[in-house]
């Protein structure tokens, strides 16, 4: 992973997660409010959290609040960029 100048992106680890906690590196994303959604393999929303990002690079620890079933999940991170200045 290279930080600093470069394309925006996220890295989620560990994969697979153990327990109910994982980390997410947010690299070169614009400052603002982001919505994290986690969906199970049936498309059901199983977790949501609003995140404030100061810009550039940051690591967020996500605690799902309880163990989730083993399986494949889709993580979606979105922003409306209305509060970026």
PDB file of N, CA and C in Angstrom:
ATOM      1  N   UNK A   1       0.855  -1.175   0.000  1.00  0.00           N
ATOM      2  CA  UNK A   1       0.000   0.000   0.000  1.00  0.00           C
ATOM      3  C   UNK A   1       0.889   1.221   0.000  1.00  0.00           C
ATOM      4  N   UNK A   2       0.593   2.155  -0.866  1.00  0.00           N
ATOM      5  CA  UNK A   2       1.328   3.416  -0.856  1.00  0.00           C
ATOM      6  C   UNK A   2       0.366   4.537  -0.501  1.00  0.00           C
ATOM      7  N   UNK A   3       0.793   5.364   0.420  1.00  0.00           N
ATOM      8  CA  UNK A   3      -0.022   6.480   0.869  1.00  0.00           C
ATOM      9  C   UNK A   3       0.503   7.761   0.261  1.00  0.00           C
ATOM     10  N   UNK A   4      -0.269   8.828   0.375  1.00  0.00           N
ATOM     11  CA  UNK A   4       0.123  10.098  -0.200  1.00  0.00           C
ATOM     12  C   UNK A   4      -0.590  10.312  -1.508  1.00  0.00           C
ATOM     13  N   UNK A   5       0.123  10.800  -2.492  1.00  0.00           N
ATOM     14  CA  UNK A   5      -0.491  11.059  -3.787  1.00  0.00           C
ATOM     15  C   UNK A   5      -0.868   9.741  -4.442  1.00  0.00           C
ATOM     16  N   UNK A   6      -1.973   9.744  -5.132  1.00  0.00           N
ATOM     17  CA  UNK A   6      -2.425   8.541  -5.813  1.00  0.00           C
ATOM     18  C   UNK A   6      -3.932   8.498  -5.897  1.00  0.00           C
ATOM     19  N   UNK A   7      -4.409   7.413  -6.437  1.00  0.00           N
ATOM     20  CA  UNK A   7      -5.844   7.224  -6.611  1.00  0.00           C
ATOM     21  C   UNK A   7      -6.529   6.980  -5.271  1.00  0.00           C
ATOM     22  N   UNK A   8      -7.752   7.493  -5.094  1.00  0.00           N
ATOM     23  CA  UNK A   8      -8.517   7.193  -3.885  1.00  0.00           C
ATOM     24  C   UNK A   8      -8.848   5.708  -3.818  1.00  0.00           C
ATOM     25  N   UNK A   9      -8.908   5.177  -2.615  1.00  0.00           N
ATOM     26  CA  UNK A   9      -9.270   3.776  -2.455  1.00  0.00           C
ATOM     27  C   UNK A   9      -9.413   3.394  -0.996  1.00  0.00           C
ATOM     28  N   UNK A  10      -9.926   2.193  -0.787  1.00  0.00           N
ATOM     29  CA  UNK A  10     -10.042   1.648   0.571  1.00  0.00           C
ATOM     30  C   UNK A  10      -9.428   0.259   0.597  1.00  0.00           C
ATOM     31  N   UNK A  11      -8.934  -0.118   1.765  1.00  0.00           N
ATOM     32  CA  UNK A  11      -8.419  -1.462   2.013  1.00  0.00           C
ATOM     33  C   UNK A  11      -9.078  -1.945   3.295  1.00  0.00           C
ATOM     34  N   UNK A  12      -9.695  -3.126   3.245  1.00  0.00           N
ATOM     35  CA  UNK A  12     -10.388  -3.697   4.404  1.00  0.00           C
ATOM     36  C   UNK A  12      -9.624  -4.936   4.851  1.00  0.00           C
ATOM     37  N   UNK A  13      -9.366  -5.045   6.142  1.00  0.00           N
ATOM     38  CA  UNK A  13      -8.616  -6.185   6.678  1.00  0.00           C
ATOM     39  C   UNK A  13      -8.966  -6.416   8.133  1.00  0.00           C
ATOM     40  N   UNK A  14      -8.742  -7.584   8.709  1.00  0.00           N
ATOM     41  CA  UNK A  14      -8.280  -8.797   8.027  1.00  0.00           C
ATOM     42  C   UNK A  14      -9.408  -9.411   7.204  1.00  0.00           C
ATOM     43  N   UNK A  15      -9.028 -10.235   6.279  1.00  0.00           N
ATOM     44  CA  UNK A  15     -10.003 -10.940   5.449  1.00  0.00           C
ATOM     45  C   UNK A  15      -9.594 -12.401   5.388  1.00  0.00           C
ATOM     46  N   UNK A  16     -10.358 -13.294   5.975  1.00  0.00           N
ATOM     47  CA  UNK A  16     -11.670 -13.058   6.599  1.00  0.00           C
ATOM     48  C   UNK A  16     -11.523 -12.453   7.994  1.00  0.00           C
ATOM     49  N   UNK A  17     -12.580 -11.768   8.431  1.00  0.00           N
ATOM     50  CA  UNK A  17     -12.551 -11.187   9.773  1.00  0.00           C
ATOM     51  C   UNK A  17     -12.823 -12.285  10.795  1.00  0.00           C
ATOM     52  N   UNK A  18     -12.341 -12.053  12.000  1.00  0.00           N
ATOM     53  CA  UNK A  18     -12.625 -12.943  13.121  1.00  0.00           C
ATOM     54  C   UNK A  18     -13.341 -12.116  14.171  1.00  0.00           C
ATOM     55  N   UNK A  19     -14.415 -12.646  14.688  1.00  0.00           N
ATOM     56  CA  UNK A  19     -15.191 -11.900  15.671  1.00  0.00           C
ATOM     57  C   UNK A  19     -16.060 -10.865  15.003  1.00  0.00           C
ATOM     58  N   UNK A  20     -16.017  -9.629  15.515  1.00  0.00           N
ATOM     59  CA  UNK A  20     -16.933  -8.604  15.013  1.00  0.00           C
ATOM     60  C   UNK A  20     -16.239  -7.293  14.648  1.00  0.00           C
ATOM     61  N   UNK A  21     -14.909  -7.307  14.516  1.00  0.00           N
ATOM     62  CA  UNK A  21     -14.178  -6.070  14.268  1.00  0.00           C
ATOM     63  C   UNK A  21     -13.274  -6.208  13.049  1.00  0.00           C
ATOM     64  N   UNK A  22     -13.250  -5.145  12.237  1.00  0.00           N
ATOM     65  CA  UNK A  22     -12.280  -5.086  11.149  1.00  0.00           C
ATOM     66  C   UNK A  22     -11.807  -3.655  10.993  1.00  0.00           C
ATOM     67  N   UNK A  23     -10.737  -3.468  10.245  1.00  0.00           N
ATOM     68  CA  UNK A  23     -10.187  -2.135   9.992  1.00  0.00           C
ATOM     69  C   UNK A  23     -10.357  -1.788   8.524  1.00  0.00           C
ATOM     70  N   UNK A  24     -10.472  -0.503   8.272  1.00  0.00           N
ATOM     71  CA  UNK A  24     -10.602  -0.012   6.912  1.00  0.00           C
ATOM     72  C   UNK A  24      -9.682   1.193   6.744  1.00  0.00           C
ATOM     73  N   UNK A  25      -8.701   1.063   5.827  1.00  0.00           N
ATOM     74  CA  UNK A  25      -7.841   2.189   5.478  1.00  0.00           C
ATOM     75  C   UNK A  25      -8.528   2.986   4.388  1.00  0.00           C
ATOM     76  N   UNK A  26      -8.665   4.278   4.615  1.00  0.00           N
ATOM     77  CA  UNK A  26      -9.262   5.184   3.639  1.00  0.00           C
ATOM     78  C   UNK A  26      -8.122   6.039   3.092  1.00  0.00           C
ATOM     79  N   UNK A  27      -7.767   5.813   1.827  1.00  0.00           N
ATOM     80  CA  UNK A  27      -6.597   6.438   1.227  1.00  0.00           C
ATOM     81  C   UNK A  27      -6.997   7.458   0.168  1.00  0.00           C
ATOM     82  N   UNK A  28      -6.568   8.694   0.385  1.00  0.00           N
ATOM     83  CA  UNK A  28      -6.759   9.771  -0.588  1.00  0.00           C
ATOM     84  C   UNK A  28      -8.222  10.022  -0.935  1.00  0.00           C
ATOM     85  N   UNK A  29      -9.113   9.778   0.008  1.00  0.00           N
ATOM     86  CA  UNK A  29     -10.527  10.088  -0.200  1.00  0.00           C
ATOM     87  C   UNK A  29     -10.782  11.534   0.204  1.00  0.00           C
ATOM     88  N   UNK A  30     -11.729  12.159  -0.445  1.00  0.00           N
ATOM     89  CA  UNK A  30     -12.081  13.544  -0.133  1.00  0.00           C
ATOM     90  C   UNK A  30     -12.631  13.644   1.295  1.00  0.00           C
ATOM     91  N   UNK A  31     -12.391  14.778   1.923  1.00  0.00           N
ATOM     92  CA  UNK A  31     -12.934  15.056   3.248  1.00  0.00           C
ATOM     93  C   UNK A  31     -14.447  15.059   3.167  1.00  0.00           C
ATOM     94  N   UNK A  32     -15.098  14.456   4.173  1.00  0.00           N
ATOM     95  CA  UNK A  32     -16.549  14.489   4.202  1.00  0.00           C
ATOM     96  C   UNK A  32     -17.160  13.371   5.008  1.00  0.00           C
ATOM     97  N   UNK A  33     -18.460  13.250   4.866  1.00  0.00           N
ATOM     98  CA  UNK A  33     -19.242  12.234   5.555  1.00  0.00           C
ATOM     99  C   UNK A  33     -19.471  11.068   4.593  1.00  0.00           C
ATOM    100  N   UNK A  34     -19.202   9.870   5.071  1.00  0.00           N
ATOM    101  CA  UNK A  34     -19.365   8.662   4.261  1.00  0.00           C
ATOM    102  C   UNK A  34     -20.335   7.721   4.961  1.00  0.00           C
ATOM    103  N   UNK A  35     -21.049   6.954   4.181  1.00  0.00           N
ATOM    104  CA  UNK A  35     -21.966   5.946   4.704  1.00  0.00           C
ATOM    105  C   UNK A  35     -21.420   4.573   4.349  1.00  0.00           C
ATOM    106  N   UNK A  36     -21.172   3.760   5.371  1.00  0.00           N
ATOM    107  CA  UNK A  36     -20.708   2.396   5.180  1.00  0.00           C
ATOM    108  C   UNK A  36     -21.899   1.467   5.346  1.00  0.00           C
ATOM    109  N   UNK A  37     -22.164   0.644   4.352  1.00  0.00           N
ATOM    110  CA  UNK A  37     -23.218  -0.372   4.413  1.00  0.00           C
ATOM    111  C   UNK A  37     -22.584  -1.737   4.172  1.00  0.00           C
ATOM    112  N   UNK A  38     -23.033  -2.729   4.912  1.00  0.00           N
ATOM    113  CA  UNK A  38     -22.561  -4.099   4.751  1.00  0.00           C
ATOM    114  C   UNK A  38     -23.766  -4.984   4.466  1.00  0.00           C
ATOM    115  N   UNK A  39     -23.707  -5.708   3.352  1.00  0.00           N
ATOM    116  CA  UNK A  39     -24.809  -6.556   2.898  1.00  0.00           C
ATOM    117  C   UNK A  39     -24.391  -8.020   2.920  1.00  0.00           C
ATOM    118  N   UNK A  40     -25.322  -8.908   3.285  1.00  0.00           N
ATOM    119  CA  UNK A  40     -25.037 -10.332   3.231  1.00  0.00           C
ATOM    120  C   UNK A  40     -25.233 -10.837   1.808  1.00  0.00           C
ATOM    121  N   UNK A  41     -25.007 -12.140   1.590  1.00  0.00           N
ATOM    122  CA  UNK A  41     -25.073 -12.682   0.231  1.00  0.00           C
ATOM    123  C   UNK A  41     -26.493 -12.746  -0.332  1.00  0.00           C
ATOM    124  N   UNK A  42     -27.497 -12.450   0.480  1.00  0.00           N
ATOM    125  CA  UNK A  42     -28.877 -12.382  -0.003  1.00  0.00           C
ATOM    126  C   UNK A  42     -29.296 -10.935  -0.285  1.00  0.00           C
ATOM    127  N   UNK A  43     -28.341  -9.991  -0.149  1.00  0.00           N
ATOM    128  CA  UNK A  43     -28.616  -8.592  -0.416  1.00  0.00           C
ATOM    129  C   UNK A  43     -29.248  -7.846   0.731  1.00  0.00           C
ATOM    130  N   UNK A  44     -29.301  -8.471   1.916  1.00  0.00           N
ATOM    131  CA  UNK A  44     -29.904  -7.824   3.078  1.00  0.00           C
ATOM    132  C   UNK A  44     -28.872  -6.952   3.787  1.00  0.00           C
ATOM    133  N   UNK A  45     -29.272  -5.739   4.144  1.00  0.00           N
ATOM    134  CA  UNK A  45     -28.412  -4.839   4.894  1.00  0.00           C
ATOM    135  C   UNK A  45     -28.261  -5.373   6.314  1.00  0.00           C
ATOM    136  N   UNK A  46     -27.022  -5.674   6.722  1.00  0.00           N
ATOM    137  CA  UNK A  46     -26.796  -6.230   8.056  1.00  0.00           C
ATOM    138  C   UNK A  46     -26.082  -5.252   8.989  1.00  0.00           C
ATOM    139  N   UNK A  47     -25.539  -4.174   8.421  1.00  0.00           N
ATOM    140  CA  UNK A  47     -24.836  -3.185   9.247  1.00  0.00           C
ATOM    141  C   UNK A  47     -24.743  -1.882   8.464  1.00  0.00           C
ATOM    142  N   UNK A  48     -24.872  -0.766   9.167  1.00  0.00           N
ATOM    143  CA  UNK A  48     -24.680   0.546   8.555  1.00  0.00           C
ATOM    144  C   UNK A  48     -24.039   1.475   9.585  1.00  0.00           C
ATOM    145  N   UNK A  49     -23.179   2.362   9.119  1.00  0.00           N
ATOM    146  CA  UNK A  49     -22.532   3.334  10.006  1.00  0.00           C
ATOM    147  C   UNK A  49     -22.148   4.562   9.193  1.00  0.00           C
ATOM    148  N   UNK A  50     -22.314   5.731   9.792  1.00  0.00           N
ATOM    149  CA  UNK A  50     -21.892   6.971   9.163  1.00  0.00           C
ATOM    150  C   UNK A  50     -20.498   7.304   9.680  1.00  0.00           C
ATOM    151  N   UNK A  51     -19.579   7.643   8.772  1.00  0.00           N
ATOM    152  CA  UNK A  51     -18.190   7.917   9.127  1.00  0.00           C
ATOM    153  C   UNK A  51     -17.818   9.333   8.710  1.00  0.00           C
ATOM    154  N   UNK A  52     -17.096  10.030   9.570  1.00  0.00           N
ATOM    155  CA  UNK A  52     -16.532  11.328   9.231  1.00  0.00           C
ATOM    156  C   UNK A  52     -15.071  11.096   8.829  1.00  0.00           C
ATOM    157  N   UNK A  53     -14.685  11.634   7.677  1.00  0.00           N
ATOM    158  CA  UNK A  53     -13.318  11.460   7.192  1.00  0.00           C
ATOM    159  C   UNK A  53     -12.693  12.831   7.010  1.00  0.00           C
ATOM    160  N   UNK A  54     -11.493  13.015   7.557  1.00  0.00           N
ATOM    161  CA  UNK A  54     -10.810  14.308   7.513  1.00  0.00           C
ATOM    162  C   UNK A  54     -10.041  14.540   6.221  1.00  0.00           C
ATOM    163  N   UNK A  55     -10.070  13.570   5.313  1.00  0.00           N
ATOM    164  CA  UNK A  55      -9.322  13.695   4.071  1.00  0.00           C
ATOM    165  C   UNK A  55      -8.001  12.964   4.163  1.00  0.00           C
ATOM    166  N   UNK A  56      -7.347  12.812   3.035  1.00  0.00           N
ATOM    167  CA  UNK A  56      -6.060  12.144   2.922  1.00  0.00           C
ATOM    168  C   UNK A  56      -6.157  10.686   3.361  1.00  0.00           C
ATOM    169  N   UNK A  57      -5.360  10.270   4.350  1.00  0.00           N
ATOM    170  CA  UNK A  57      -5.300   8.868   4.767  1.00  0.00           C
ATOM    171  C   UNK A  57      -5.748   8.732   6.208  1.00  0.00           C
ATOM    172  N   UNK A  58      -6.572   7.717   6.483  1.00  0.00           N
ATOM    173  CA  UNK A  58      -7.005   7.431   7.850  1.00  0.00           C
ATOM    174  C   UNK A  58      -7.369   5.963   7.949  1.00  0.00           C
ATOM    175  N   UNK A  59      -7.244   5.414   9.150  1.00  0.00           N
ATOM    176  CA  UNK A  59      -7.667   4.050   9.421  1.00  0.00           C
ATOM    177  C   UNK A  59      -8.833   4.100  10.384  1.00  0.00           C
ATOM    178  N   UNK A  60      -9.925   3.454  10.019  1.00  0.00           N
ATOM    179  CA  UNK A  60     -11.114   3.378  10.861  1.00  0.00           C
ATOM    180  C   UNK A  60     -11.266   1.946  11.355  1.00  0.00           C
ATOM    181  N   UNK A  61     -11.593   1.785  12.626  1.00  0.00           N
ATOM    182  CA  UNK A  61     -11.924   0.478  13.175  1.00  0.00           C
ATOM    183  C   UNK A  61     -13.435   0.361  13.214  1.00  0.00           C
ATOM    184  N   UNK A  62     -13.950  -0.682  12.587  1.00  0.00           N
ATOM    185  CA  UNK A  62     -15.387  -0.903  12.513  1.00  0.00           C
ATOM    186  C   UNK A  62     -15.743  -2.060  13.435  1.00  0.00           C
ATOM    187  N   UNK A  63     -16.615  -1.806  14.408  1.00  0.00           N
ATOM    188  CA  UNK A  63     -17.081  -2.840  15.326  1.00  0.00           C
ATOM    189  C   UNK A  63     -18.540  -3.118  14.992  1.00  0.00           C
ATOM    190  N   UNK A  64     -18.802  -4.310  14.521  1.00  0.00           N
ATOM    191  CA  UNK A  64     -20.144  -4.672  14.080  1.00  0.00           C
ATOM    192  C   UNK A  64     -21.122  -4.886  15.231  1.00  0.00           C
ATOM    193  N   UNK A  65     -20.630  -4.882  16.469  1.00  0.00           N
ATOM    194  CA  UNK A  65     -21.503  -4.985  17.625  1.00  0.00           C
ATOM    195  C   UNK A  65     -21.933  -6.397  17.964  1.00  0.00           C
ATOM    196  N   UNK A  66     -21.415  -7.356  17.294  1.00  0.00           N
ATOM    197  CA  UNK A  66     -21.734  -8.758  17.553  1.00  0.00           C
ATOM    198  C   UNK A  66     -21.210  -9.600  16.412  1.00  0.00           C
ATOM    199  N   UNK A  67     -21.037 -10.862  16.663  1.00  0.00           N
ATOM    200  CA  UNK A  67     -20.512 -11.753  15.629  1.00  0.00           C
ATOM    201  C   UNK A  67     -21.494 -11.871  14.480  1.00  0.00           C
ATOM    202  N   UNK A  68     -20.975 -11.936  13.287  1.00  0.00           N
ATOM    203  CA  UNK A  68     -21.818 -12.147  12.114  1.00  0.00           C
ATOM    204  C   UNK A  68     -21.549 -13.549  11.587  1.00  0.00           C
ATOM    205  N   UNK A  69     -22.511 -14.094  10.890  1.00  0.00           N
ATOM    206  CA  UNK A  69     -22.389 -15.447  10.365  1.00  0.00           C
ATOM    207  C   UNK A  69     -21.263 -15.505   9.339  1.00  0.00           C
ATOM    208  N   UNK A  70     -20.627 -16.662   9.249  1.00  0.00           N
ATOM    209  CA  UNK A  70     -19.605 -16.862   8.227  1.00  0.00           C
ATOM    210  C   UNK A  70     -20.254 -16.725   6.864  1.00  0.00           C
ATOM    211  N   UNK A  71     -19.515 -16.178   5.928  1.00  0.00           N
ATOM    212  CA  UNK A  71     -20.054 -16.043   4.581  1.00  0.00           C
ATOM    213  C   UNK A  71     -19.400 -14.899   3.834  1.00  0.00           C
ATOM    214  N   UNK A  72     -19.953 -14.591   2.708  1.00  0.00           N
ATOM    215  CA  UNK A  72     -19.465 -13.521   1.858  1.00  0.00           C
ATOM    216  C   UNK A  72     -20.345 -12.295   2.046  1.00  0.00           C
ATOM    217  N   UNK A  73     -19.710 -11.148   2.196  1.00  0.00           N
ATOM    218  CA  UNK A  73     -20.421  -9.889   2.406  1.00  0.00           C
ATOM    219  C   UNK A  73     -19.931  -8.847   1.411  1.00  0.00           C
ATOM    220  N   UNK A  74     -20.810  -7.932   1.076  1.00  0.00           N
ATOM    221  CA  UNK A  74     -20.485  -6.822   0.182  1.00  0.00           C
ATOM    222  C   UNK A  74     -20.428  -5.550   1.009  1.00  0.00           C
ATOM    223  N   UNK A  75     -19.296  -4.846   0.972  1.00  0.00           N
ATOM    224  CA  UNK A  75     -19.144  -3.589   1.683  1.00  0.00           C
ATOM    225  C   UNK A  75     -19.322  -2.455   0.681  1.00  0.00           C
ATOM    226  N   UNK A  76     -20.172  -1.500   1.026  1.00  0.00           N
ATOM    227  CA  UNK A  76     -20.413  -0.334   0.172  1.00  0.00           C
ATOM    228  C   UNK A  76     -20.072   0.916   0.968  1.00  0.00           C
ATOM    229  N   UNK A  77     -19.233   1.775   0.400  1.00  0.00           N
ATOM    230  CA  UNK A  77     -18.879   3.038   1.016  1.00  0.00           C
ATOM    231  C   UNK A  77     -19.282   4.140   0.048  1.00  0.00           C
ATOM    232  N   UNK A  78     -20.136   5.049   0.496  1.00  0.00           N
ATOM    233  CA  UNK A  78     -20.623   6.101  -0.388  1.00  0.00           C
ATOM    234  C   UNK A  78     -20.595   7.448   0.324  1.00  0.00           C
ATOM    235  N   UNK A  79     -20.572   8.511  -0.491  1.00  0.00           N
ATOM    236  CA  UNK A  79     -20.564   9.878   0.023  1.00  0.00           C
ATOM    237  C   UNK A  79     -21.357  10.757  -0.930  1.00  0.00           C
ATOM    238  N   UNK A  80     -22.055  11.731  -0.367  1.00  0.00           N
ATOM    239  CA  UNK A  80     -22.753  12.680  -1.225  1.00  0.00           C
ATOM    240  C   UNK A  80     -21.924  13.932  -1.479  1.00  0.00           C
ATOM    241  N   UNK A  81     -20.810  14.080  -0.780  1.00  0.00           N
ATOM    242  CA  UNK A  81     -19.870  15.196  -0.928  1.00  0.00           C
ATOM    243  C   UNK A  81     -20.520  16.563  -0.749  1.00  0.00           C
ATOM    244  N   UNK A  82     -21.658  16.636  -0.063  1.00  0.00           N
ATOM    245  CA  UNK A  82     -22.315  17.934   0.130  1.00  0.00           C
ATOM    246  C   UNK A  82     -21.664  18.739   1.252  1.00  0.00           C
ATOM    247  N   UNK A  83     -20.922  18.065   2.141  1.00  0.00           N
ATOM    248  CA  UNK A  83     -20.330  18.798   3.259  1.00  0.00           C
ATOM    249  C   UNK A  83     -18.832  18.975   3.084  1.00  0.00           C
ATOM    250  N   UNK A  84     -18.292  18.772   1.903  1.00  0.00           N
ATOM    251  CA  UNK A  84     -16.850  18.932   1.680  1.00  0.00           C
ATOM    252  C   UNK A  84     -16.515  20.392   1.413  1.00  0.00           C
ATOM    253  N   UNK A  85     -15.540  20.886   2.154  1.00  0.00           N
ATOM    254  CA  UNK A  85     -15.041  22.245   1.940  1.00  0.00           C
ATOM    255  C   UNK A  85     -13.542  22.251   1.994  1.00  0.00           C
TER     256      UNK A  85
END
